[in-house]
Amino acid sequence: RCSSRQWADRVVDHAAQYLTSTTPAFTEFLRELENEKIVRKWPNGRVGRLAADGHFEADDSVERYVSVEGMGAFAASLARGLDVRQDVWVSPNGGIRREADGRWSLKAPSSPRFDHVVVAHNGKCAFRLTSSQPAVHVHTLLRADFKAQLPASAKDDARMTLNSIYSLAVELPSGAMPATFDGAFAVDSPTLRWLCSNDRKLGAAPGPTEVWTLLSTGAFGSKHKTAQEYLAGSEKEAEVVALMLGSAEEAAGLEAGALARSAVRTRLQLWGAAQPLNRWNAPFVWDATHGIGVCGDWLQPDATAAAASTLEGAWLSGTALGDHVAAAETHGRDVGIAL
């Protein structure tokens, strides 16, 4: 969820857009990163809501932080000093295994043995990864549905439910979008949820173009969902891009077709497991018998429920699990596994 991509000479946030805090612990952590110039506050008055006629209303009710070099740099800052191996392919079909000696291995080339496994992931892949290991209750908890909204019946609501949204990055001539805001929620649009200038948000020097990120609603993502691997160059891609640009024009009060005509380049992505719509009432999951845990933004107890489905929620969950596993007095105690 905390990801950036390089767009020529600039950084584009195509997933999570900013950070907020509802807890003292995460607020203190953000201030530490602010002192290190990894994050900075997003100036008040630059974020808010757009009505269908392009009227912008600033929302200063929360303090927002942005990662100075994009959200991916925020994630990278958390890994400083750690031996992190990236781009290692692990087969999703039973990809983690508990060996006869009680340690863990990966279904990957030359996998070493590990003392513990933490699944910091969700959706279909997390469910498949855990399908051939003995902690059945952990595997069961990782079942997921993909819907635009929660089912009406509570009994059908007993598994993690995520929505799917489209993320569209579009390079536009500077001035093509109103200068009154950096980012805004499109409150009256059935198609568009969020639009934001990456250049303005990150404080880039003005140039001939800006790259905007448009995020769709869950209902739109569900209606137009298609296989990501077949999206590029397809009729569906052209359809979704046209609809999202049209909605951005409407939200910003622009002439119909203005953005479509002026767009320099676009990049569309289906974010299949975008946002959890419900939560598991625990800070994390830990099976002490087998040494396997789960953390994520969908794991939040009632006391911190406001942080669910946020980067703060992911940080709180991961930090709590790390502390639990590292401490001798808590390491042997199960948490969150009773279904």
C-alpha atoms as a PDB file:
ATOM      1  CA  ARG A   1       0.000   0.000   0.000  1.00  0.00           C
ATOM      2  CA  CYS A   2       3.005   2.285   0.522  1.00  0.00           C
ATOM      3  CA  SER A   3       4.425   2.425  -2.973  1.00  0.00           C
ATOM      4  CA  SER A   4       5.880   4.907  -5.448  1.00  0.00           C
ATOM      5  CA  ARG A   5       7.086   4.642  -9.018  1.00  0.00           C
ATOM      6  CA  GLN A   6       9.566   6.670 -10.983  1.00  0.00           C
ATOM      7  CA  TRP A   7       8.019   8.807 -13.707  1.00  0.00           C
ATOM      8  CA  ALA A   8      10.843  10.208 -15.846  1.00  0.00           C
ATOM      9  CA  ASP A   9      12.570  12.657 -13.467  1.00  0.00           C
ATOM     10  CA  ARG A  10       9.973  12.601 -10.674  1.00  0.00           C
ATOM     11  CA  VAL A  11       8.308  10.356  -8.123  1.00  0.00           C
ATOM     12  CA  VAL A  12       4.643   9.380  -8.332  1.00  0.00           C
ATOM     13  CA  ASP A  13       2.617   7.953  -5.430  1.00  0.00           C
ATOM     14  CA  HIS A  14       0.146   5.573  -7.053  1.00  0.00           C
ATOM     15  CA  ALA A  15      -1.211   3.909  -3.900  1.00  0.00           C
ATOM     16  CA  ALA A  16      -1.382   5.423  -0.384  1.00  0.00           C
ATOM     17  CA  GLN A  17      -1.198   9.208  -0.651  1.00  0.00           C
ATOM     18  CA  TYR A  18      -0.294  10.555   2.793  1.00  0.00           C
ATOM     19  CA  LEU A  19       0.012   9.719   6.495  1.00  0.00           C
ATOM     20  CA  THR A  20      -2.172  10.714   9.426  1.00  0.00           C
ATOM     21  CA  SER A  21      -2.030   9.797  13.099  1.00  0.00           C
ATOM     22  CA  THR A  22      -4.614   9.119  15.805  1.00  0.00           C
ATOM     23  CA  THR A  23      -2.240   7.745  18.471  1.00  0.00           C
ATOM     24  CA  PRO A  24       0.592   9.324  20.500  1.00  0.00           C
ATOM     25  CA  ALA A  25       3.045   6.575  19.504  1.00  0.00           C
ATOM     26  CA  PHE A  26       2.690   7.103  15.763  1.00  0.00           C
ATOM     27  CA  THR A  27       2.609  10.896  16.157  1.00  0.00           C
ATOM     28  CA  GLU A  28       5.942  10.747  17.978  1.00  0.00           C
ATOM     29  CA  PHE A  29       7.345   8.473  15.268  1.00  0.00           C
ATOM     30  CA  LEU A  30       6.255  10.871  12.502  1.00  0.00           C
ATOM     31  CA  ARG A  31       7.874  13.773  14.319  1.00  0.00           C
ATOM     32  CA  GLU A  32      11.133  11.834  14.512  1.00  0.00           C
ATOM     33  CA  LEU A  33      10.959  11.270  10.743  1.00  0.00           C
ATOM     34  CA  GLU A  34      10.092  14.939  10.252  1.00  0.00           C
ATOM     35  CA  ASN A  35      13.251  15.917  12.130  1.00  0.00           C
ATOM     36  CA  GLU A  36      15.187  13.617   9.802  1.00  0.00           C
ATOM     37  CA  LYS A  37      13.480  15.292   6.813  1.00  0.00           C
ATOM     38  CA  ILE A  38      12.002  11.987   5.641  1.00  0.00           C
ATOM     39  CA  VAL A  39       8.448  13.321   5.970  1.00  0.00           C
ATOM     40  CA  ARG A  40       6.996  16.815   6.147  1.00  0.00           C
ATOM     41  CA  LYS A  41       3.613  18.281   6.969  1.00  0.00           C
ATOM     42  CA  TRP A  42       1.270  18.923   4.066  1.00  0.00           C
ATOM     43  CA  PRO A  43       0.404  22.638   4.380  1.00  0.00           C
ATOM     44  CA  ASN A  44      -3.128  23.341   5.578  1.00  0.00           C
ATOM     45  CA  GLY A  45      -5.558  24.609   2.987  1.00  0.00           C
ATOM     46  CA  ARG A  46      -4.167  22.493   0.153  1.00  0.00           C
ATOM     47  CA  VAL A  47      -6.286  19.365   0.700  1.00  0.00           C
ATOM     48  CA  GLY A  48     -10.050  19.094   0.893  1.00  0.00           C
ATOM     49  CA  ARG A  49     -13.204  18.205  -1.021  1.00  0.00           C
ATOM     50  CA  LEU A  50     -14.434  18.942  -4.524  1.00  0.00           C
ATOM     51  CA  ALA A  51     -18.110  19.237  -5.343  1.00  0.00           C
ATOM     52  CA  ALA A  52     -19.305  18.362  -8.839  1.00  0.00           C
ATOM     53  CA  ASP A  53     -19.121  22.002  -9.967  1.00  0.00           C
ATOM     54  CA  GLY A  54     -15.429  22.323  -9.111  1.00  0.00           C
ATOM     55  CA  HIS A  55     -15.970  24.163  -5.835  1.00  0.00           C
ATOM     56  CA  PHE A  56     -13.051  23.360  -3.509  1.00  0.00           C
ATOM     57  CA  GLU A  57     -13.513  23.311   0.249  1.00  0.00           C
ATOM     58  CA  ALA A  58     -10.328  22.935   2.294  1.00  0.00           C
ATOM     59  CA  ASP A  59     -10.273  20.379   5.102  1.00  0.00           C
ATOM     60  CA  ASP A  60      -7.857  21.214   7.916  1.00  0.00           C
ATOM     61  CA  SER A  61      -9.465  18.873  10.453  1.00  0.00           C
ATOM     62  CA  VAL A  62      -6.515  16.458  10.401  1.00  0.00           C
ATOM     63  CA  GLU A  63      -2.748  16.864  10.202  1.00  0.00           C
ATOM     64  CA  ARG A  64      -1.331  15.187   7.117  1.00  0.00           C
ATOM     65  CA  TYR A  65       2.248  14.168   6.427  1.00  0.00           C
ATOM     66  CA  VAL A  66       3.815  13.327   3.082  1.00  0.00           C
ATOM     67  CA  SER A  67       7.001  11.430   2.421  1.00  0.00           C
ATOM     68  CA  VAL A  68       9.461  13.910   0.927  1.00  0.00           C
ATOM     69  CA  GLU A  69      10.716  11.474  -1.715  1.00  0.00           C
ATOM     70  CA  GLY A  70       7.457   9.562  -2.176  1.00  0.00           C
ATOM     71  CA  MET A  71       5.682   6.980  -0.059  1.00  0.00           C
ATOM     72  CA  GLY A  72       8.084   4.262  -1.144  1.00  0.00           C
ATOM     73  CA  ALA A  73      10.892   6.186   0.562  1.00  0.00           C
ATOM     74  CA  PHE A  74       8.889   6.184   3.796  1.00  0.00           C
ATOM     75  CA  ALA A  75       8.717   2.381   3.652  1.00  0.00           C
ATOM     76  CA  ALA A  76      12.430   2.170   2.835  1.00  0.00           C
ATOM     77  CA  SER A  77      13.257   4.333   5.869  1.00  0.00           C
ATOM     78  CA  LEU A  78      11.701   1.676   8.122  1.00  0.00           C
ATOM     79  CA  ALA A  79      14.126  -0.922   6.777  1.00  0.00           C
ATOM     80  CA  ARG A  80      17.331   0.970   7.518  1.00  0.00           C
ATOM     81  CA  GLY A  81      19.879  -1.304   9.169  1.00  0.00           C
ATOM     82  CA  LEU A  82      18.002  -4.493   8.286  1.00  0.00           C
ATOM     83  CA  ASP A  83      19.018  -7.254   5.884  1.00  0.00           C
ATOM     84  CA  VAL A  84      16.049  -7.086   3.496  1.00  0.00           C
ATOM     85  CA  ARG A  85      16.043  -9.385   0.458  1.00  0.00           C
ATOM     86  CA  GLN A  86      13.742  -8.151  -2.283  1.00  0.00           C
ATOM     87  CA  ASP A  87      12.676  -9.655  -5.608  1.00  0.00           C
ATOM     88  CA  VAL A  88      12.801 -13.218  -4.237  1.00  0.00           C
ATOM     89  CA  TRP A  89      10.096 -15.289  -5.905  1.00  0.00           C
ATOM     90  CA  VAL A  90       8.169 -17.465  -3.468  1.00  0.00           C
ATOM     91  CA  SER A  91       5.598 -19.767  -5.014  1.00  0.00           C
ATOM     92  CA  PRO A  92       2.141 -18.733  -3.786  1.00  0.00           C
ATOM     93  CA  ASN A  93       0.929 -22.332  -3.656  1.00  0.00           C
ATOM     94  CA  GLY A  94       1.903 -23.441  -0.156  1.00  0.00           C
ATOM     95  CA  GLY A  95       4.838 -21.045  -0.280  1.00  0.00           C
ATOM     96  CA  ILE A  96       5.773 -21.285   3.408  1.00  0.00           C
ATOM     97  CA  ARG A  97       6.488 -24.642   5.034  1.00  0.00           C
ATOM     98  CA  ARG A  98       7.235 -25.820   8.548  1.00  0.00           C
ATOM     99  CA  GLU A  99       9.987 -28.410   8.462  1.00  0.00           C
ATOM    100  CA  ALA A 100      10.440 -31.466  10.674  1.00  0.00           C
ATOM    101  CA  ASP A 101      12.867 -29.593  12.942  1.00  0.00           C
ATOM    102  CA  GLY A 102      10.163 -27.015  13.736  1.00  0.00           C
ATOM    103  CA  ARG A 103      11.762 -24.263  11.682  1.00  0.00           C
ATOM    104  CA  TRP A 104      10.370 -22.660   8.557  1.00  0.00           C
ATOM    105  CA  SER A 105      11.438 -22.559   4.918  1.00  0.00           C
ATOM    106  CA  LEU A 106      10.140 -20.895   1.788  1.00  0.00           C
ATOM    107  CA  LYS A 107       9.096 -22.528  -1.439  1.00  0.00           C
ATOM    108  CA  ALA A 108      11.919 -20.697  -3.161  1.00  0.00           C
ATOM    109  CA  PRO A 109      15.362 -21.525  -4.574  1.00  0.00           C
ATOM    110  CA  SER A 110      17.942 -22.317  -1.870  1.00  0.00           C
ATOM    111  CA  SER A 111      15.708 -21.194   0.972  1.00  0.00           C
ATOM    112  CA  PRO A 112      17.398 -21.009   4.362  1.00  0.00           C
ATOM    113  CA  ARG A 113      15.578 -22.042   7.561  1.00  0.00           C
ATOM    114  CA  PHE A 114      13.838 -19.416   9.668  1.00  0.00           C
ATOM    115  CA  ASP A 115      12.771 -19.327  13.314  1.00  0.00           C
ATOM    116  CA  HIS A 116       9.514 -17.482  12.650  1.00  0.00           C
ATOM    117  CA  VAL A 117       7.263 -16.379   9.811  1.00  0.00           C
ATOM    118  CA  VAL A 118       5.271 -13.147   9.677  1.00  0.00           C
ATOM    119  CA  VAL A 119       2.689 -12.620   6.945  1.00  0.00           C
ATOM    120  CA  ALA A 120       2.516  -8.852   6.393  1.00  0.00           C
ATOM    121  CA  HIS A 121       0.160  -9.275   3.465  1.00  0.00           C
ATOM    122  CA  ASN A 122      -3.463 -10.100   2.736  1.00  0.00           C
ATOM    123  CA  GLY A 123      -5.778 -11.181  -0.053  1.00  0.00           C
ATOM    124  CA  LYS A 124      -5.619 -14.257  -2.227  1.00  0.00           C
ATOM    125  CA  CYS A 125      -1.826 -14.574  -2.199  1.00  0.00           C
ATOM    126  CA  ALA A 126      -1.592 -14.584   1.603  1.00  0.00           C
ATOM    127  CA  PHE A 127      -4.288 -17.264   1.765  1.00  0.00           C
ATOM    128  CA  ARG A 128      -2.467 -19.408  -0.800  1.00  0.00           C
ATOM    129  CA  LEU A 129       0.950 -18.898   0.794  1.00  0.00           C
ATOM    130  CA  THR A 130      -0.276 -20.367   4.077  1.00  0.00           C
ATOM    131  CA  SER A 131      -2.246 -23.296   2.613  1.00  0.00           C
ATOM    132  CA  SER A 132       0.291 -26.058   3.390  1.00  0.00           C
ATOM    133  CA  GLN A 133       1.380 -25.232   6.926  1.00  0.00           C
ATOM    134  CA  PRO A 134       0.002 -26.575  10.227  1.00  0.00           C
ATOM    135  CA  ALA A 135      -1.441 -23.364  11.767  1.00  0.00           C
ATOM    136  CA  VAL A 136      -4.845 -23.912  10.190  1.00  0.00           C
ATOM    137  CA  HIS A 137      -6.531 -21.085  12.113  1.00  0.00           C
ATOM    138  CA  VAL A 138      -4.019 -18.594  10.699  1.00  0.00           C
ATOM    139  CA  HIS A 139      -4.760 -19.841   7.192  1.00  0.00           C
ATOM    140  CA  THR A 140      -8.509 -19.586   7.829  1.00  0.00           C
ATOM    141  CA  LEU A 141      -8.208 -16.017   9.092  1.00  0.00           C
ATOM    142  CA  LEU A 142      -6.533 -14.981   5.823  1.00  0.00           C
ATOM    143  CA  ARG A 143      -9.549 -15.893   3.687  1.00  0.00           C
ATOM    144  CA  ALA A 144     -10.662 -12.845   1.745  1.00  0.00           C
ATOM    145  CA  ASP A 145     -13.611 -11.582  -0.269  1.00  0.00           C
ATOM    146  CA  PHE A 146     -13.450  -8.745  -2.787  1.00  0.00           C
ATOM    147  CA  LYS A 147     -16.479  -6.472  -2.797  1.00  0.00           C
ATOM    148  CA  ALA A 148     -17.234  -2.766  -3.136  1.00  0.00           C
ATOM    149  CA  GLN A 149     -18.988  -2.770   0.226  1.00  0.00           C
ATOM    150  CA  LEU A 150     -19.632  -5.086   3.146  1.00  0.00           C
ATOM    151  CA  PRO A 151     -22.524  -7.555   2.884  1.00  0.00           C
ATOM    152  CA  ALA A 152     -25.761  -6.514   4.573  1.00  0.00           C
ATOM    153  CA  SER A 153     -25.886  -9.649   6.710  1.00  0.00           C
ATOM    154  CA  ALA A 154     -23.413  -9.843   9.584  1.00  0.00           C
ATOM    155  CA  LYS A 155     -23.112 -13.629   9.258  1.00  0.00           C
ATOM    156  CA  ASP A 156     -21.743 -13.134   5.728  1.00  0.00           C
ATOM    157  CA  ASP A 157     -19.242 -10.638   7.084  1.00  0.00           C
ATOM    158  CA  ALA A 158     -17.017 -13.137   8.886  1.00  0.00           C
ATOM    159  CA  ARG A 159     -14.017 -12.871   6.604  1.00  0.00           C
ATOM    160  CA  MET A 160     -11.724 -10.088   5.509  1.00  0.00           C
ATOM    161  CA  THR A 161     -13.365  -8.032   2.770  1.00  0.00           C
ATOM    162  CA  LEU A 162     -11.342  -5.778   0.500  1.00  0.00           C
ATOM    163  CA  ASN A 163     -12.369  -3.492  -2.312  1.00  0.00           C
ATOM    164  CA  SER A 164     -10.634  -3.047  -5.664  1.00  0.00           C
ATOM    165  CA  ILE A 165      -9.865   0.357  -7.114  1.00  0.00           C
ATOM    166  CA  TYR A 166      -8.191   1.784 -10.182  1.00  0.00           C
ATOM    167  CA  SER A 167      -5.156   4.028  -9.856  1.00  0.00           C
ATOM    168  CA  LEU A 168      -4.503   6.294 -12.836  1.00  0.00           C
ATOM    169  CA  ALA A 169      -1.348   8.385 -13.143  1.00  0.00           C
ATOM    170  CA  VAL A 170      -1.667  11.068 -15.808  1.00  0.00           C
ATOM    171  CA  GLU A 171       0.880  13.659 -16.920  1.00  0.00           C
ATOM    172  CA  LEU A 172      -0.793  16.964 -17.743  1.00  0.00           C
ATOM    173  CA  PRO A 173       0.456  20.391 -18.841  1.00  0.00           C
ATOM    174  CA  SER A 174       0.927  22.677 -15.857  1.00  0.00           C
ATOM    175  CA  GLY A 175      -2.209  24.749 -15.421  1.00  0.00           C
ATOM    176  CA  ALA A 176      -4.510  22.131 -16.911  1.00  0.00           C
ATOM    177  CA  MET A 177      -5.929  21.550 -13.427  1.00  0.00           C
ATOM    178  CA  PRO A 178      -7.011  24.321 -11.027  1.00  0.00           C
ATOM    179  CA  ALA A 179      -4.268  25.842  -8.871  1.00  0.00           C
ATOM    180  CA  THR A 180      -6.550  26.096  -5.826  1.00  0.00           C
ATOM    181  CA  PHE A 181      -5.654  22.689  -4.372  1.00  0.00           C
ATOM    182  CA  ASP A 182      -2.996  19.954  -4.265  1.00  0.00           C
ATOM    183  CA  GLY A 183      -5.308  17.029  -3.499  1.00  0.00           C
ATOM    184  CA  ALA A 184      -9.032  16.523  -3.014  1.00  0.00           C
ATOM    185  CA  PHE A 185     -11.755  13.964  -2.447  1.00  0.00           C
ATOM    186  CA  ALA A 186     -14.410  14.034  -5.194  1.00  0.00           C
ATOM    187  CA  VAL A 187     -17.415  13.815  -2.918  1.00  0.00           C
ATOM    188  CA  ASP A 188     -20.205  13.577  -5.511  1.00  0.00           C
ATOM    189  CA  SER A 189     -18.582  11.291  -8.078  1.00  0.00           C
ATOM    190  CA  PRO A 190     -19.600   7.628  -8.495  1.00  0.00           C
ATOM    191  CA  THR A 191     -16.334   7.062 -10.382  1.00  0.00           C
ATOM    192  CA  LEU A 192     -13.631   9.124  -8.719  1.00  0.00           C
ATOM    193  CA  ARG A 193     -12.626   9.144  -5.054  1.00  0.00           C
ATOM    194  CA  TRP A 194      -9.372  11.142  -5.010  1.00  0.00           C
ATOM    195  CA  LEU A 195      -7.222  13.324  -7.277  1.00  0.00           C
ATOM    196  CA  CYS A 196      -3.838  14.791  -6.429  1.00  0.00           C
ATOM    197  CA  SER A 197      -0.857  16.513  -8.035  1.00  0.00           C
ATOM    198  CA  ASN A 198       2.273  14.611  -7.035  1.00  0.00           C
ATOM    199  CA  ASP A 199       4.437  17.616  -7.971  1.00  0.00           C
ATOM    200  CA  ARG A 200       2.526  20.043  -5.747  1.00  0.00           C
ATOM    201  CA  LYS A 201       2.233  17.574  -2.878  1.00  0.00           C
ATOM    202  CA  LEU A 202       5.946  16.794  -2.850  1.00  0.00           C
ATOM    203  CA  GLY A 203       6.990  20.421  -3.330  1.00  0.00           C
ATOM    204  CA  ALA A 204       8.652  19.932  -6.720  1.00  0.00           C
ATOM    205  CA  ALA A 205       9.844  22.976  -8.631  1.00  0.00           C
ATOM    206  CA  PRO A 206       7.272  24.132 -11.199  1.00  0.00           C
ATOM    207  CA  GLY A 207       7.799  22.656 -14.629  1.00  0.00           C
ATOM    208  CA  PRO A 208       5.982  22.344 -17.951  1.00  0.00           C
ATOM    209  CA  THR A 209       3.956  19.340 -16.752  1.00  0.00           C
ATOM    210  CA  GLU A 210       2.514  17.809 -13.583  1.00  0.00           C
ATOM    211  CA  VAL A 211       1.735  14.172 -12.829  1.00  0.00           C
ATOM    212  CA  TRP A 212      -1.621  13.616 -11.150  1.00  0.00           C
ATOM    213  CA  THR A 213      -2.826  10.481  -9.380  1.00  0.00           C
ATOM    214  CA  LEU A 214      -6.526   9.652  -9.701  1.00  0.00           C
ATOM    215  CA  LEU A 215      -8.014   6.926  -7.484  1.00  0.00           C
ATOM    216  CA  SER A 216     -11.414   5.434  -8.311  1.00  0.00           C
ATOM    217  CA  THR A 217     -14.233   4.495  -5.975  1.00  0.00           C
ATOM    218  CA  GLY A 218     -14.582   0.884  -4.903  1.00  0.00           C
ATOM    219  CA  ALA A 219     -17.888   0.602  -6.769  1.00  0.00           C
ATOM    220  CA  PHE A 220     -16.231   1.711 -10.014  1.00  0.00           C
ATOM    221  CA  GLY A 221     -13.310  -0.668  -9.482  1.00  0.00           C
ATOM    222  CA  SER A 222     -15.682  -3.567  -8.881  1.00  0.00           C
ATOM    223  CA  LYS A 223     -17.805  -2.761 -11.931  1.00  0.00           C
ATOM    224  CA  HIS A 224     -14.816  -2.526 -14.290  1.00  0.00           C
ATOM    225  CA  LYS A 225     -12.523  -5.097 -12.690  1.00  0.00           C
ATOM    226  CA  THR A 226     -10.446  -7.116 -15.120  1.00  0.00           C
ATOM    227  CA  ALA A 227      -7.246  -9.159 -15.018  1.00  0.00           C
ATOM    228  CA  GLN A 228      -4.328  -6.777 -14.415  1.00  0.00           C
ATOM    229  CA  GLU A 229      -2.027  -8.776 -16.680  1.00  0.00           C
ATOM    230  CA  TYR A 230      -4.338  -8.183 -19.657  1.00  0.00           C
ATOM    231  CA  LEU A 231      -5.064  -4.518 -18.946  1.00  0.00           C
ATOM    232  CA  ALA A 232      -2.257  -2.738 -20.807  1.00  0.00           C
ATOM    233  CA  GLY A 233      -3.297  -1.816 -24.350  1.00  0.00           C
ATOM    234  CA  SER A 234      -6.785  -3.279 -23.977  1.00  0.00           C
ATOM    235  CA  GLU A 235     -10.179  -1.746 -24.750  1.00  0.00           C
ATOM    236  CA  LYS A 236     -10.934  -1.899 -21.022  1.00  0.00           C
ATOM    237  CA  GLU A 237      -7.876   0.235 -20.279  1.00  0.00           C
ATOM    238  CA  ALA A 238      -8.986   2.872 -22.791  1.00  0.00           C
ATOM    239  CA  GLU A 239     -12.524   2.803 -21.380  1.00  0.00           C
ATOM    240  CA  VAL A 240     -11.439   3.176 -17.745  1.00  0.00           C
ATOM    241  CA  VAL A 241      -8.931   5.956 -18.537  1.00  0.00           C
ATOM    242  CA  ALA A 242     -11.590   7.889 -20.449  1.00  0.00           C
ATOM    243  CA  LEU A 243     -14.158   7.515 -17.674  1.00  0.00           C
ATOM    244  CA  MET A 244     -11.741   8.537 -14.916  1.00  0.00           C
ATOM    245  CA  LEU A 245     -10.452  11.560 -16.848  1.00  0.00           C
ATOM    246  CA  GLY A 246     -14.033  12.565 -17.584  1.00  0.00           C
ATOM    247  CA  SER A 247     -14.896  12.343 -13.897  1.00  0.00           C
ATOM    248  CA  ALA A 248     -11.840  14.434 -13.009  1.00  0.00           C
ATOM    249  CA  GLU A 249     -12.974  17.084 -15.481  1.00  0.00           C
ATOM    250  CA  GLU A 250     -16.422  17.129 -13.943  1.00  0.00           C
ATOM    251  CA  ALA A 251     -15.106  17.234 -10.365  1.00  0.00           C
ATOM    252  CA  ALA A 252     -12.713  20.099 -11.163  1.00  0.00           C
ATOM    253  CA  GLY A 253     -15.321  22.067 -13.131  1.00  0.00           C
ATOM    254  CA  LEU A 254     -13.460  21.755 -16.438  1.00  0.00           C
ATOM    255  CA  GLU A 255     -14.781  21.543 -19.978  1.00  0.00           C
ATOM    256  CA  ALA A 256     -15.617  17.997 -21.043  1.00  0.00           C
ATOM    257  CA  GLY A 257     -12.660  16.441 -22.867  1.00  0.00           C
ATOM    258  CA  ALA A 258     -10.152  19.045 -21.671  1.00  0.00           C
ATOM    259  CA  LEU A 259      -7.917  16.590 -19.809  1.00  0.00           C
ATOM    260  CA  ALA A 260      -8.261  13.815 -22.362  1.00  0.00           C
ATOM    261  CA  ARG A 261      -7.075  16.176 -25.100  1.00  0.00           C
ATOM    262  CA  SER A 262      -4.137  17.559 -23.142  1.00  0.00           C
ATOM    263  CA  ALA A 263      -2.854  14.384 -21.437  1.00  0.00           C
ATOM    264  CA  VAL A 264       0.796  13.731 -22.264  1.00  0.00           C
ATOM    265  CA  ARG A 265       0.938  10.178 -20.910  1.00  0.00           C
ATOM    266  CA  THR A 266      -1.142   7.870 -18.711  1.00  0.00           C
ATOM    267  CA  ARG A 267      -0.467   4.747 -16.654  1.00  0.00           C
ATOM    268  CA  LEU A 268      -3.404   2.708 -15.344  1.00  0.00           C
ATOM    269  CA  GLN A 269      -3.202   0.075 -12.618  1.00  0.00           C
ATOM    270  CA  LEU A 270      -5.879  -2.103 -11.060  1.00  0.00           C
ATOM    271  CA  TRP A 271      -5.211  -2.225  -7.320  1.00  0.00           C
ATOM    272  CA  GLY A 272      -6.972  -5.512  -6.675  1.00  0.00           C
ATOM    273  CA  ALA A 273      -6.631  -5.715  -2.861  1.00  0.00           C
ATOM    274  CA  ALA A 274      -6.847  -2.011  -2.162  1.00  0.00           C
ATOM    275  CA  GLN A 275      -8.553  -1.253   1.146  1.00  0.00           C
ATOM    276  CA  PRO A 276      -9.842  -3.531   3.904  1.00  0.00           C
ATOM    277  CA  LEU A 277     -13.497  -2.711   4.618  1.00  0.00           C
ATOM    278  CA  ASN A 278     -13.605  -4.494   7.976  1.00  0.00           C
ATOM    279  CA  ARG A 279     -11.085  -5.339  10.677  1.00  0.00           C
ATOM    280  CA  TRP A 280     -10.051  -8.154  12.993  1.00  0.00           C
ATOM    281  CA  ASN A 281     -10.366  -7.029  16.610  1.00  0.00           C
ATOM    282  CA  ALA A 282      -6.744  -7.741  17.598  1.00  0.00           C
ATOM    283  CA  PRO A 283      -3.501  -5.776  17.216  1.00  0.00           C
ATOM    284  CA  PHE A 284      -1.878  -8.720  15.417  1.00  0.00           C
ATOM    285  CA  VAL A 285      -2.022 -12.515  15.203  1.00  0.00           C
ATOM    286  CA  TRP A 286       0.579 -14.769  16.820  1.00  0.00           C
ATOM    287  CA  ASP A 287       0.536 -18.554  17.003  1.00  0.00           C
ATOM    288  CA  ALA A 288       3.178 -19.348  19.616  1.00  0.00           C
ATOM    289  CA  THR A 289       3.031 -23.113  19.041  1.00  0.00           C
ATOM    290  CA  HIS A 290       4.124 -22.858  15.421  1.00  0.00           C
ATOM    291  CA  GLY A 291       5.924 -19.503  15.435  1.00  0.00           C
ATOM    292  CA  ILE A 292       3.827 -17.794  12.766  1.00  0.00           C
ATOM    293  CA  GLY A 293       2.251 -14.348  12.922  1.00  0.00           C
ATOM    294  CA  VAL A 294       0.208 -11.894  10.881  1.00  0.00           C
ATOM    295  CA  CYS A 295       0.232  -8.097  10.958  1.00  0.00           C
ATOM    296  CA  GLY A 296      -1.387  -5.434   8.815  1.00  0.00           C
ATOM    297  CA  ASP A 297      -3.633  -2.420   8.546  1.00  0.00           C
ATOM    298  CA  TRP A 298      -6.759  -4.589   8.966  1.00  0.00           C
ATOM    299  CA  LEU A 299      -5.686  -5.826  12.418  1.00  0.00           C
ATOM    300  CA  GLN A 300      -6.806  -3.186  14.927  1.00  0.00           C
ATOM    301  CA  PRO A 301      -8.373  -3.618  18.374  1.00  0.00           C
ATOM    302  CA  ASP A 302     -11.301  -1.463  19.431  1.00  0.00           C
ATOM    303  CA  ALA A 303      -8.972   0.951  21.228  1.00  0.00           C
ATOM    304  CA  THR A 304      -7.270   1.928  17.938  1.00  0.00           C
ATOM    305  CA  ALA A 305     -10.095   1.198  15.509  1.00  0.00           C
ATOM    306  CA  ALA A 306      -9.766   4.680  13.978  1.00  0.00           C
ATOM    307  CA  ALA A 307      -6.377   3.638  12.591  1.00  0.00           C
ATOM    308  CA  ALA A 308      -7.729   0.664  10.634  1.00  0.00           C
ATOM    309  CA  SER A 309      -7.013   0.668   6.880  1.00  0.00           C
ATOM    310  CA  THR A 310      -4.286   3.300   7.250  1.00  0.00           C
ATOM    311  CA  LEU A 311      -0.497   3.338   7.214  1.00  0.00           C
ATOM    312  CA  GLU A 312      -0.657   4.167  10.904  1.00  0.00           C
ATOM    313  CA  GLY A 313      -2.646   0.957  11.413  1.00  0.00           C
ATOM    314  CA  ALA A 314      -0.020  -1.092   9.579  1.00  0.00           C
ATOM    315  CA  TRP A 315       2.760   0.473  11.687  1.00  0.00           C
ATOM    316  CA  LEU A 316       0.904  -0.100  14.961  1.00  0.00           C
ATOM    317  CA  SER A 317       0.203  -3.723  14.087  1.00  0.00           C
ATOM    318  CA  GLY A 318       3.724  -4.538  12.930  1.00  0.00           C
ATOM    319  CA  THR A 319       5.347  -2.769  15.875  1.00  0.00           C
ATOM    320  CA  ALA A 320       3.113  -4.564  18.377  1.00  0.00           C
ATOM    321  CA  LEU A 321       3.840  -7.953  16.809  1.00  0.00           C
ATOM    322  CA  GLY A 322       7.583  -7.287  16.760  1.00  0.00           C
ATOM    323  CA  ASP A 323       7.566  -6.322  20.433  1.00  0.00           C
ATOM    324  CA  HIS A 324       5.503  -9.423  21.307  1.00  0.00           C
ATOM    325  CA  VAL A 325       7.839 -11.832  19.509  1.00  0.00           C
ATOM    326  CA  ALA A 326      11.008 -10.172  20.838  1.00  0.00           C
ATOM    327  CA  ALA A 327       9.986 -10.206  24.505  1.00  0.00           C
ATOM    328  CA  ALA A 328      10.618 -13.438  26.416  1.00  0.00           C
ATOM    329  CA  GLU A 329       7.643 -12.883  28.719  1.00  0.00           C
ATOM    330  CA  THR A 330       5.135 -12.643  25.814  1.00  0.00           C
ATOM    331  CA  HIS A 331       6.740 -14.735  23.075  1.00  0.00           C
ATOM    332  CA  GLY A 332       5.028 -17.947  24.190  1.00  0.00           C
ATOM    333  CA  ARG A 333       1.507 -16.475  24.333  1.00  0.00           C
ATOM    334  CA  ASP A 334      -1.037 -16.721  21.509  1.00  0.00           C
ATOM    335  CA  VAL A 335      -2.758 -13.535  20.369  1.00  0.00           C
ATOM    336  CA  GLY A 336      -5.709 -13.080  18.032  1.00  0.00           C
ATOM    337  CA  ILE A 337      -6.034 -16.660  16.784  1.00  0.00           C
ATOM    338  CA  ALA A 338      -9.435 -17.549  18.289  1.00  0.00           C
ATOM    339  CA  LEU A 339     -11.839 -17.425  15.369  1.00  0.00           C
END
